[in-house]
Amino acid sequence: EYLTFHPHLSAVQLAFNRIKVPWQDARFIS
């Protein structure tokens, strides 16, 4: 109850949009 999150575009989201590839089925690895 102390926290509120304000997300920005993630780097992964930007990356897939830059290369014009759908990304809902991608594996995300840090």
PDB file of all heavy atoms in Angstrom:
ATOM      1  N   GLU A   1       0.806  -1.217   0.000  1.00  0.00           N
ATOM      2  CA  GLU A   1       0.000   0.000   0.000  1.00  0.00           C
ATOM      3  C   GLU A   1       0.840   1.270   0.000  1.00  0.00           C
ATOM      4  O   GLU A   1       0.303   2.377  -0.158  1.00  0.00           O
ATOM      5  CB  GLU A   1      -0.956  -0.003   1.201  1.00  0.00           C
ATOM      6  CG  GLU A   1      -0.297  -0.071   2.565  1.00  0.00           C
ATOM      7  CD  GLU A   1      -0.058  -1.482   3.059  1.00  0.00           C
ATOM      8  OE1 GLU A   1      -0.069  -2.410   2.211  1.00  0.00           O
ATOM      9  OE2 GLU A   1       0.131  -1.646   4.279  1.00  0.00           O
ATOM     10  N   TYR A   2       2.170   1.131   0.152  1.00  0.00           N
ATOM     11  CA  TYR A   2       3.051   2.296   0.112  1.00  0.00           C
ATOM     12  C   TYR A   2       3.539   2.603  -1.307  1.00  0.00           C
ATOM     13  O   TYR A   2       4.139   3.645  -1.536  1.00  0.00           O
ATOM     14  CB  TYR A   2       4.282   2.068   0.998  1.00  0.00           C
ATOM     15  CG  TYR A   2       4.036   2.199   2.489  1.00  0.00           C
ATOM     16  CD1 TYR A   2       2.765   2.089   3.038  1.00  0.00           C
ATOM     17  CD2 TYR A   2       5.105   2.429   3.350  1.00  0.00           C
ATOM     18  CE1 TYR A   2       2.557   2.199   4.405  1.00  0.00           C
ATOM     19  CE2 TYR A   2       4.907   2.544   4.728  1.00  0.00           C
ATOM     20  CZ  TYR A   2       3.622   2.416   5.243  1.00  0.00           C
ATOM     21  OH  TYR A   2       3.424   2.540   6.597  1.00  0.00           O
ATOM     22  N   LEU A   3       3.322   1.681  -2.229  1.00  0.00           N
ATOM     23  CA  LEU A   3       3.969   1.765  -3.544  1.00  0.00           C
ATOM     24  C   LEU A   3       2.992   2.040  -4.681  1.00  0.00           C
ATOM     25  O   LEU A   3       1.892   1.467  -4.724  1.00  0.00           O
ATOM     26  CB  LEU A   3       4.706   0.455  -3.848  1.00  0.00           C
ATOM     27  CG  LEU A   3       5.903   0.111  -2.958  1.00  0.00           C
ATOM     28  CD1 LEU A   3       6.246  -1.360  -3.089  1.00  0.00           C
ATOM     29  CD2 LEU A   3       7.096   0.981  -3.335  1.00  0.00           C
ATOM     30  N   THR A   4       3.414   2.903  -5.597  1.00  0.00           N
ATOM     31  CA  THR A   4       2.723   3.096  -6.871  1.00  0.00           C
ATOM     32  C   THR A   4       3.771   3.032  -7.976  1.00  0.00           C
ATOM     33  O   THR A   4       4.849   3.626  -7.854  1.00  0.00           O
ATOM     34  CB  THR A   4       1.998   4.451  -6.926  1.00  0.00           C
ATOM     35  OG1 THR A   4       1.004   4.503  -5.909  1.00  0.00           O
ATOM     36  CG2 THR A   4       1.323   4.646  -8.284  1.00  0.00           C
ATOM     37  N   PHE A   5       3.448   2.325  -9.053  1.00  0.00           N
ATOM     38  CA  PHE A   5       4.388   2.162 -10.151  1.00  0.00           C
ATOM     39  C   PHE A   5       3.907   2.942 -11.374  1.00  0.00           C
ATOM     40  O   PHE A   5       2.719   2.925 -11.712  1.00  0.00           O
ATOM     41  CB  PHE A   5       4.544   0.680 -10.511  1.00  0.00           C
ATOM     42  CG  PHE A   5       5.152  -0.132  -9.401  1.00  0.00           C
ATOM     43  CD1 PHE A   5       4.342  -0.829  -8.504  1.00  0.00           C
ATOM     44  CD2 PHE A   5       6.525  -0.176  -9.234  1.00  0.00           C
ATOM     45  CE1 PHE A   5       4.903  -1.567  -7.476  1.00  0.00           C
ATOM     46  CE2 PHE A   5       7.094  -0.910  -8.214  1.00  0.00           C
ATOM     47  CZ  PHE A   5       6.281  -1.601  -7.323  1.00  0.00           C
ATOM     48  N   HIS A   6       4.852   3.604 -12.012  1.00  0.00           N
ATOM     49  CA  HIS A   6       4.569   4.390 -13.217  1.00  0.00           C
ATOM     50  C   HIS A   6       5.501   3.888 -14.327  1.00  0.00           C
ATOM     51  O   HIS A   6       6.603   4.403 -14.503  1.00  0.00           O
ATOM     52  CB  HIS A   6       4.812   5.884 -12.954  1.00  0.00           C
ATOM     53  CG  HIS A   6       4.052   6.424 -11.789  1.00  0.00           C
ATOM     54  ND1 HIS A   6       2.770   6.933 -11.887  1.00  0.00           N
ATOM     55  CD2 HIS A   6       4.398   6.524 -10.477  1.00  0.00           C
ATOM     56  CE1 HIS A   6       2.363   7.334 -10.696  1.00  0.00           C
ATOM     57  NE2 HIS A   6       3.333   7.096  -9.824  1.00  0.00           N
ATOM     58  N   PRO A   7       5.090   2.863 -15.059  1.00  0.00           N
ATOM     59  CA  PRO A   7       6.003   2.249 -16.043  1.00  0.00           C
ATOM     60  C   PRO A   7       6.212   3.128 -17.268  1.00  0.00           C
ATOM     61  O   PRO A   7       5.331   3.880 -17.693  1.00  0.00           O
ATOM     62  CB  PRO A   7       5.292   0.951 -16.415  1.00  0.00           C
ATOM     63  CG  PRO A   7       3.833   1.258 -16.205  1.00  0.00           C
ATOM     64  CD  PRO A   7       3.786   2.182 -15.016  1.00  0.00           C
ATOM     65  N   HIS A   8       7.394   3.010 -17.826  1.00  0.00           N
ATOM     66  CA  HIS A   8       7.738   3.592 -19.116  1.00  0.00           C
ATOM     67  C   HIS A   8       7.824   2.432 -20.108  1.00  0.00           C
ATOM     68  O   HIS A   8       7.734   1.265 -19.722  1.00  0.00           O
ATOM     69  CB  HIS A   8       9.081   4.328 -19.011  1.00  0.00           C
ATOM     70  CG  HIS A   8       9.363   5.274 -20.138  1.00  0.00           C
ATOM     71  ND1 HIS A   8       9.954   4.883 -21.314  1.00  0.00           N
ATOM     72  CD2 HIS A   8       9.130   6.605 -20.256  1.00  0.00           C
ATOM     73  CE1 HIS A   8      10.078   5.929 -22.116  1.00  0.00           C
ATOM     74  NE2 HIS A   8       9.586   6.993 -21.503  1.00  0.00           N
ATOM     75  N   LEU A   9       8.006   2.726 -21.380  1.00  0.00           N
ATOM     76  CA  LEU A   9       8.256   1.654 -22.350  1.00  0.00           C
ATOM     77  C   LEU A   9       9.520   0.905 -21.955  1.00  0.00           C
ATOM     78  O   LEU A   9      10.554   1.518 -21.668  1.00  0.00           O
ATOM     79  CB  LEU A   9       8.429   2.241 -23.747  1.00  0.00           C
ATOM     80  CG  LEU A   9       7.189   2.879 -24.382  1.00  0.00           C
ATOM     81  CD1 LEU A   9       7.581   3.546 -25.688  1.00  0.00           C
ATOM     82  CD2 LEU A   9       6.110   1.847 -24.619  1.00  0.00           C
ATOM     83  N   SER A  10       9.454  -0.431 -21.938  1.00  0.00           N
ATOM     84  CA  SER A  10      10.646  -1.221 -21.613  1.00  0.00           C
ATOM     85  C   SER A  10      11.565  -1.279 -22.823  1.00  0.00           C
ATOM     86  O   SER A  10      11.141  -1.108 -23.974  1.00  0.00           O
ATOM     87  CB  SER A  10      10.254  -2.629 -21.184  1.00  0.00           C
ATOM     88  OG  SER A  10       9.784  -3.366 -22.292  1.00  0.00           O
ATOM     89  N   ALA A  11      12.847  -1.553 -22.570  1.00  0.00           N
ATOM     90  CA  ALA A  11      13.815  -1.668 -23.657  1.00  0.00           C
ATOM     91  C   ALA A  11      13.444  -2.804 -24.602  1.00  0.00           C
ATOM     92  O   ALA A  11      13.620  -2.702 -25.825  1.00  0.00           O
ATOM     93  CB  ALA A  11      15.217  -1.875 -23.078  1.00  0.00           C
ATOM     94  N   VAL A  12      12.927  -3.907 -24.045  1.00  0.00           N
ATOM     95  CA  VAL A  12      12.541  -5.046 -24.884  1.00  0.00           C
ATOM     96  C   VAL A  12      11.374  -4.664 -25.786  1.00  0.00           C
ATOM     97  O   VAL A  12      11.342  -5.007 -26.979  1.00  0.00           O
ATOM     98  CB  VAL A  12      12.190  -6.262 -24.006  1.00  0.00           C
ATOM     99  CG1 VAL A  12      11.509  -7.346 -24.826  1.00  0.00           C
ATOM    100  CG2 VAL A  12      13.438  -6.811 -23.339  1.00  0.00           C
ATOM    101  N   GLN A  13      10.404  -3.950 -25.233  1.00  0.00           N
ATOM    102  CA  GLN A  13       9.263  -3.499 -26.032  1.00  0.00           C
ATOM    103  C   GLN A  13       9.730  -2.603 -27.180  1.00  0.00           C
ATOM    104  O   GLN A  13       9.308  -2.779 -28.337  1.00  0.00           O
ATOM    105  CB  GLN A  13       8.288  -2.744 -25.130  1.00  0.00           C
ATOM    106  CG  GLN A  13       6.982  -2.343 -25.804  1.00  0.00           C
ATOM    107  CD  GLN A  13       6.023  -1.685 -24.832  1.00  0.00           C
ATOM    108  OE1 GLN A  13       6.353  -1.484 -23.674  1.00  0.00           O
ATOM    109  NE2 GLN A  13       4.854  -1.340 -25.303  1.00  0.00           N
ATOM    110  N   LEU A  14      10.601  -1.682 -26.886  1.00  0.00           N
ATOM    111  CA  LEU A  14      11.139  -0.805 -27.921  1.00  0.00           C
ATOM    112  C   LEU A  14      11.926  -1.604 -28.965  1.00  0.00           C
ATOM    113  O   LEU A  14      11.808  -1.362 -30.170  1.00  0.00           O
ATOM    114  CB  LEU A  14      12.048   0.250 -27.295  1.00  0.00           C
ATOM    115  CG  LEU A  14      11.353   1.409 -26.564  1.00  0.00           C
ATOM    116  CD1 LEU A  14      12.384   2.223 -25.789  1.00  0.00           C
ATOM    117  CD2 LEU A  14      10.608   2.287 -27.552  1.00  0.00           C
ATOM    118  N   ALA A  15      12.727  -2.564 -28.491  1.00  0.00           N
ATOM    119  CA  ALA A  15      13.569  -3.336 -29.409  1.00  0.00           C
ATOM    120  C   ALA A  15      12.730  -4.086 -30.437  1.00  0.00           C
ATOM    121  O   ALA A  15      13.007  -4.024 -31.653  1.00  0.00           O
ATOM    122  CB  ALA A  15      14.443  -4.304 -28.613  1.00  0.00           C
ATOM    123  N   PHE A  16      11.717  -4.820 -29.992  1.00  0.00           N
ATOM    124  CA  PHE A  16      10.905  -5.582 -30.932  1.00  0.00           C
ATOM    125  C   PHE A  16      10.138  -4.675 -31.886  1.00  0.00           C
ATOM    126  O   PHE A  16       9.943  -5.009 -33.061  1.00  0.00           O
ATOM    127  CB  PHE A  16       9.945  -6.508 -30.182  1.00  0.00           C
ATOM    128  CG  PHE A  16      10.561  -7.819 -29.787  1.00  0.00           C
ATOM    129  CD1 PHE A  16      10.912  -8.073 -28.469  1.00  0.00           C
ATOM    130  CD2 PHE A  16      10.807  -8.797 -30.736  1.00  0.00           C
ATOM    131  CE1 PHE A  16      11.490  -9.275 -28.101  1.00  0.00           C
ATOM    132  CE2 PHE A  16      11.381 -10.008 -30.385  1.00  0.00           C
ATOM    133  CZ  PHE A  16      11.723 -10.251 -29.061  1.00  0.00           C
ATOM    134  N   ASN A  17       9.703  -3.528 -31.391  1.00  0.00           N
ATOM    135  CA  ASN A  17       9.009  -2.604 -32.283  1.00  0.00           C
ATOM    136  C   ASN A  17       9.959  -1.980 -33.298  1.00  0.00           C
ATOM    137  O   ASN A  17       9.569  -1.712 -34.438  1.00  0.00           O
ATOM    138  CB  ASN A  17       8.296  -1.525 -31.463  1.00  0.00           C
ATOM    139  CG  ASN A  17       6.964  -2.011 -30.924  1.00  0.00           C
ATOM    140  OD1 ASN A  17       5.939  -1.909 -31.591  1.00  0.00           O
ATOM    141  ND2 ASN A  17       6.965  -2.557 -29.720  1.00  0.00           N
ATOM    142  N   ARG A  18      11.206  -1.777 -32.903  1.00  0.00           N
ATOM    143  CA  ARG A  18      12.172  -1.225 -33.859  1.00  0.00           C
ATOM    144  C   ARG A  18      12.464  -2.218 -34.987  1.00  0.00           C
ATOM    145  O   ARG A  18      12.639  -1.835 -36.139  1.00  0.00           O
ATOM    146  CB  ARG A  18      13.478  -0.869 -33.146  1.00  0.00           C
ATOM    147  CG  ARG A  18      13.365   0.283 -32.161  1.00  0.00           C
ATOM    148  CD  ARG A  18      13.072   1.608 -32.844  1.00  0.00           C
ATOM    149  NE  ARG A  18      13.241   2.710 -31.913  1.00  0.00           N
ATOM    150  CZ  ARG A  18      12.276   3.238 -31.167  1.00  0.00           C
ATOM    151  NH1 ARG A  18      11.032   2.772 -31.270  1.00  0.00           N
ATOM    152  NH2 ARG A  18      12.537   4.239 -30.342  1.00  0.00           N
ATOM    153  N   ILE A  19      12.538  -3.508 -34.657  1.00  0.00           N
ATOM    154  CA  ILE A  19      12.842  -4.495 -35.708  1.00  0.00           C
ATOM    155  C   ILE A  19      11.571  -5.038 -36.357  1.00  0.00           C
ATOM    156  O   ILE A  19      11.631  -5.894 -37.232  1.00  0.00           O
ATOM    157  CB  ILE A  19      13.698  -5.654 -35.162  1.00  0.00           C
ATOM    158  CG1 ILE A  19      12.930  -6.504 -34.155  1.00  0.00           C
ATOM    159  CG2 ILE A  19      14.983  -5.124 -34.543  1.00  0.00           C
ATOM    160  CD1 ILE A  19      13.701  -7.731 -33.683  1.00  0.00           C
ATOM    161  N   LYS A  20      10.408  -4.550 -35.881  1.00  0.00           N
ATOM    162  CA  LYS A  20       9.103  -4.843 -36.489  1.00  0.00           C
ATOM    163  C   LYS A  20       8.772  -6.329 -36.434  1.00  0.00           C
ATOM    164  O   LYS A  20       8.418  -6.964 -37.439  1.00  0.00           O
ATOM    165  CB  LYS A  20       9.066  -4.330 -37.924  1.00  0.00           C
ATOM    166  CG  LYS A  20       9.363  -2.826 -38.030  1.00  0.00           C
ATOM    167  CD  LYS A  20       9.476  -2.348 -39.452  1.00  0.00           C
ATOM    168  CE  LYS A  20       9.908  -0.881 -39.493  1.00  0.00           C
ATOM    169  NZ  LYS A  20      10.084  -0.393 -40.877  1.00  0.00           N
ATOM    170  N   VAL A  21       8.891  -6.881 -35.233  1.00  0.00           N
ATOM    171  CA  VAL A  21       8.596  -8.297 -35.005  1.00  0.00           C
ATOM    172  C   VAL A  21       7.650  -8.417 -33.809  1.00  0.00           C
ATOM    173  O   VAL A  21       7.922  -7.839 -32.752  1.00  0.00           O
ATOM    174  CB  VAL A  21       9.887  -9.097 -34.722  1.00  0.00           C
ATOM    175  CG1 VAL A  21       9.568 -10.522 -34.273  1.00  0.00           C
ATOM    176  CG2 VAL A  21      10.787  -9.113 -35.952  1.00  0.00           C
ATOM    177  N   PRO A  22       6.504  -9.135 -33.941  1.00  0.00           N
ATOM    178  CA  PRO A  22       5.627  -9.347 -32.778  1.00  0.00           C
ATOM    179  C   PRO A  22       6.391 -10.044 -31.659  1.00  0.00           C
ATOM    180  O   PRO A  22       7.223 -10.925 -31.917  1.00  0.00           O
ATOM    181  CB  PRO A  22       4.517 -10.242 -33.334  1.00  0.00           C
ATOM    182  CG  PRO A  22       4.527 -10.005 -34.804  1.00  0.00           C
ATOM    183  CD  PRO A  22       5.970  -9.738 -35.162  1.00  0.00           C
ATOM    184  N   TRP A  23       6.083  -9.684 -30.416  1.00  0.00           N
ATOM    185  CA  TRP A  23       6.929 -10.160 -29.324  1.00  0.00           C
ATOM    186  C   TRP A  23       6.164 -10.822 -28.191  1.00  0.00           C
ATOM    187  O   TRP A  23       6.749 -11.166 -27.154  1.00  0.00           O
ATOM    188  CB  TRP A  23       7.765  -9.003 -28.784  1.00  0.00           C
ATOM    189  CG  TRP A  23       6.984  -7.823 -28.271  1.00  0.00           C
ATOM    190  CD1 TRP A  23       6.271  -6.920 -28.999  1.00  0.00           C
ATOM    191  CD2 TRP A  23       6.851  -7.406 -26.909  1.00  0.00           C
ATOM    192  NE1 TRP A  23       5.707  -5.978 -28.186  1.00  0.00           N
ATOM    193  CE2 TRP A  23       6.049  -6.242 -26.890  1.00  0.00           C
ATOM    194  CE3 TRP A  23       7.350  -7.903 -25.697  1.00  0.00           C
ATOM    195  CZ2 TRP A  23       5.709  -5.571 -25.714  1.00  0.00           C
ATOM    196  CZ3 TRP A  23       7.016  -7.223 -24.529  1.00  0.00           C
ATOM    197  CH2 TRP A  23       6.214  -6.083 -24.550  1.00  0.00           C
ATOM    198  N   GLN A  24       4.879 -11.095 -28.376  1.00  0.00           N
ATOM    199  CA  GLN A  24       4.108 -11.690 -27.286  1.00  0.00           C
ATOM    200  C   GLN A  24       4.547 -13.118 -26.970  1.00  0.00           C
ATOM    201  O   GLN A  24       4.321 -13.625 -25.872  1.00  0.00           O
ATOM    202  CB  GLN A  24       2.600 -11.666 -27.597  1.00  0.00           C
ATOM    203  CG  GLN A  24       2.149 -12.596 -28.707  1.00  0.00           C
ATOM    204  CD  GLN A  24       2.298 -11.984 -30.088  1.00  0.00           C
ATOM    205  OE1 GLN A  24       2.703 -10.829 -30.221  1.00  0.00           O
ATOM    206  NE2 GLN A  24       1.954 -12.743 -31.126  1.00  0.00           N
ATOM    207  N   ASP A  25       5.212 -13.781 -27.917  1.00  0.00           N
ATOM    208  CA  ASP A  25       5.635 -15.168 -27.729  1.00  0.00           C
ATOM    209  C   ASP A  25       7.141 -15.300 -27.511  1.00  0.00           C
ATOM    210  O   ASP A  25       7.700 -16.393 -27.613  1.00  0.00           O
ATOM    211  CB  ASP A  25       5.215 -16.011 -28.924  1.00  0.00           C
ATOM    212  CG  ASP A  25       5.712 -15.452 -30.257  1.00  0.00           C
ATOM    213  OD1 ASP A  25       6.120 -14.267 -30.293  1.00  0.00           O
ATOM    214  OD2 ASP A  25       5.687 -16.182 -31.263  1.00  0.00           O
ATOM    215  N   ALA A  26       7.816 -14.203 -27.192  1.00  0.00           N
ATOM    216  CA  ALA A  26       9.271 -14.234 -27.024  1.00  0.00           C
ATOM    217  C   ALA A  26       9.658 -14.752 -25.636  1.00  0.00           C
ATOM    218  O   ALA A  26       8.877 -14.683 -24.684  1.00  0.00           O
ATOM    219  CB  ALA A  26       9.861 -12.847 -27.249  1.00  0.00           C
ATOM    220  N   ARG A  27      10.886 -15.278 -25.538  1.00  0.00           N
ATOM    221  CA  ARG A  27      11.480 -15.623 -24.244  1.00  0.00           C
ATOM    222  C   ARG A  27      12.284 -14.411 -23.771  1.00  0.00           C
ATOM    223  O   ARG A  27      13.123 -13.887 -24.503  1.00  0.00           O
ATOM    224  CB  ARG A  27      12.419 -16.831 -24.386  1.00  0.00           C
ATOM    225  CG  ARG A  27      11.729 -18.157 -24.540  1.00  0.00           C
ATOM    226  CD  ARG A  27      11.302 -18.780 -23.222  1.00  0.00           C
ATOM    227  NE  ARG A  27      12.424 -19.195 -22.413  1.00  0.00           N
ATOM    228  CZ  ARG A  27      12.999 -20.395 -22.482  1.00  0.00           C
ATOM    229  NH1 ARG A  27      12.584 -21.281 -23.366  1.00  0.00           N
ATOM    230  NH2 ARG A  27      13.995 -20.712 -21.678  1.00  0.00           N
ATOM    231  N   PHE A  28      12.023 -13.965 -22.547  1.00  0.00           N
ATOM    232  CA  PHE A  28      12.712 -12.800 -22.003  1.00  0.00           C
ATOM    233  C   PHE A  28      13.720 -13.266 -20.961  1.00  0.00           C
ATOM    234  O   PHE A  28      13.360 -13.949 -20.000  1.00  0.00           O
ATOM    235  CB  PHE A  28      11.705 -11.838 -21.367  1.00  0.00           C
ATOM    236  CG  PHE A  28      10.564 -11.477 -22.281  1.00  0.00           C
ATOM    237  CD1 PHE A  28       9.266 -11.852 -21.972  1.00  0.00           C
ATOM    238  CD2 PHE A  28      10.804 -10.786 -23.450  1.00  0.00           C
ATOM    239  CE1 PHE A  28       8.223 -11.535 -22.816  1.00  0.00           C
ATOM    240  CE2 PHE A  28       9.767 -10.466 -24.308  1.00  0.00           C
ATOM    241  CZ  PHE A  28       8.467 -10.839 -23.989  1.00  0.00           C
ATOM    242  N   ILE A  29      14.963 -12.897 -21.171  1.00  0.00           N
ATOM    243  CA  ILE A  29      16.044 -13.361 -20.290  1.00  0.00           C
ATOM    244  C   ILE A  29      16.888 -12.176 -19.877  1.00  0.00           C
ATOM    245  O   ILE A  29      17.340 -11.398 -20.729  1.00  0.00           O
ATOM    246  CB  ILE A  29      16.909 -14.412 -21.005  1.00  0.00           C
ATOM    247  CG1 ILE A  29      16.071 -15.666 -21.289  1.00  0.00           C
ATOM    248  CG2 ILE A  29      18.138 -14.758 -20.171  1.00  0.00           C
ATOM    249  CD1 ILE A  29      16.746 -16.654 -22.188  1.00  0.00           C
ATOM    250  N   SER A  30      17.101 -12.030 -18.590  1.00  0.00           N
ATOM    251  CA  SER A  30      18.015 -11.009 -18.099  1.00  0.00           C
ATOM    252  C   SER A  30      19.351 -11.660 -17.779  1.00  0.00           C
ATOM    253  O   SER A  30      19.440 -12.531 -16.921  1.00  0.00           O
ATOM    254  CB  SER A  30      17.456 -10.310 -16.855  1.00  0.00           C
ATOM    255  OG  SER A  30      18.406  -9.392 -16.357  1.00  0.00           O
TER     256      SER A  30
END
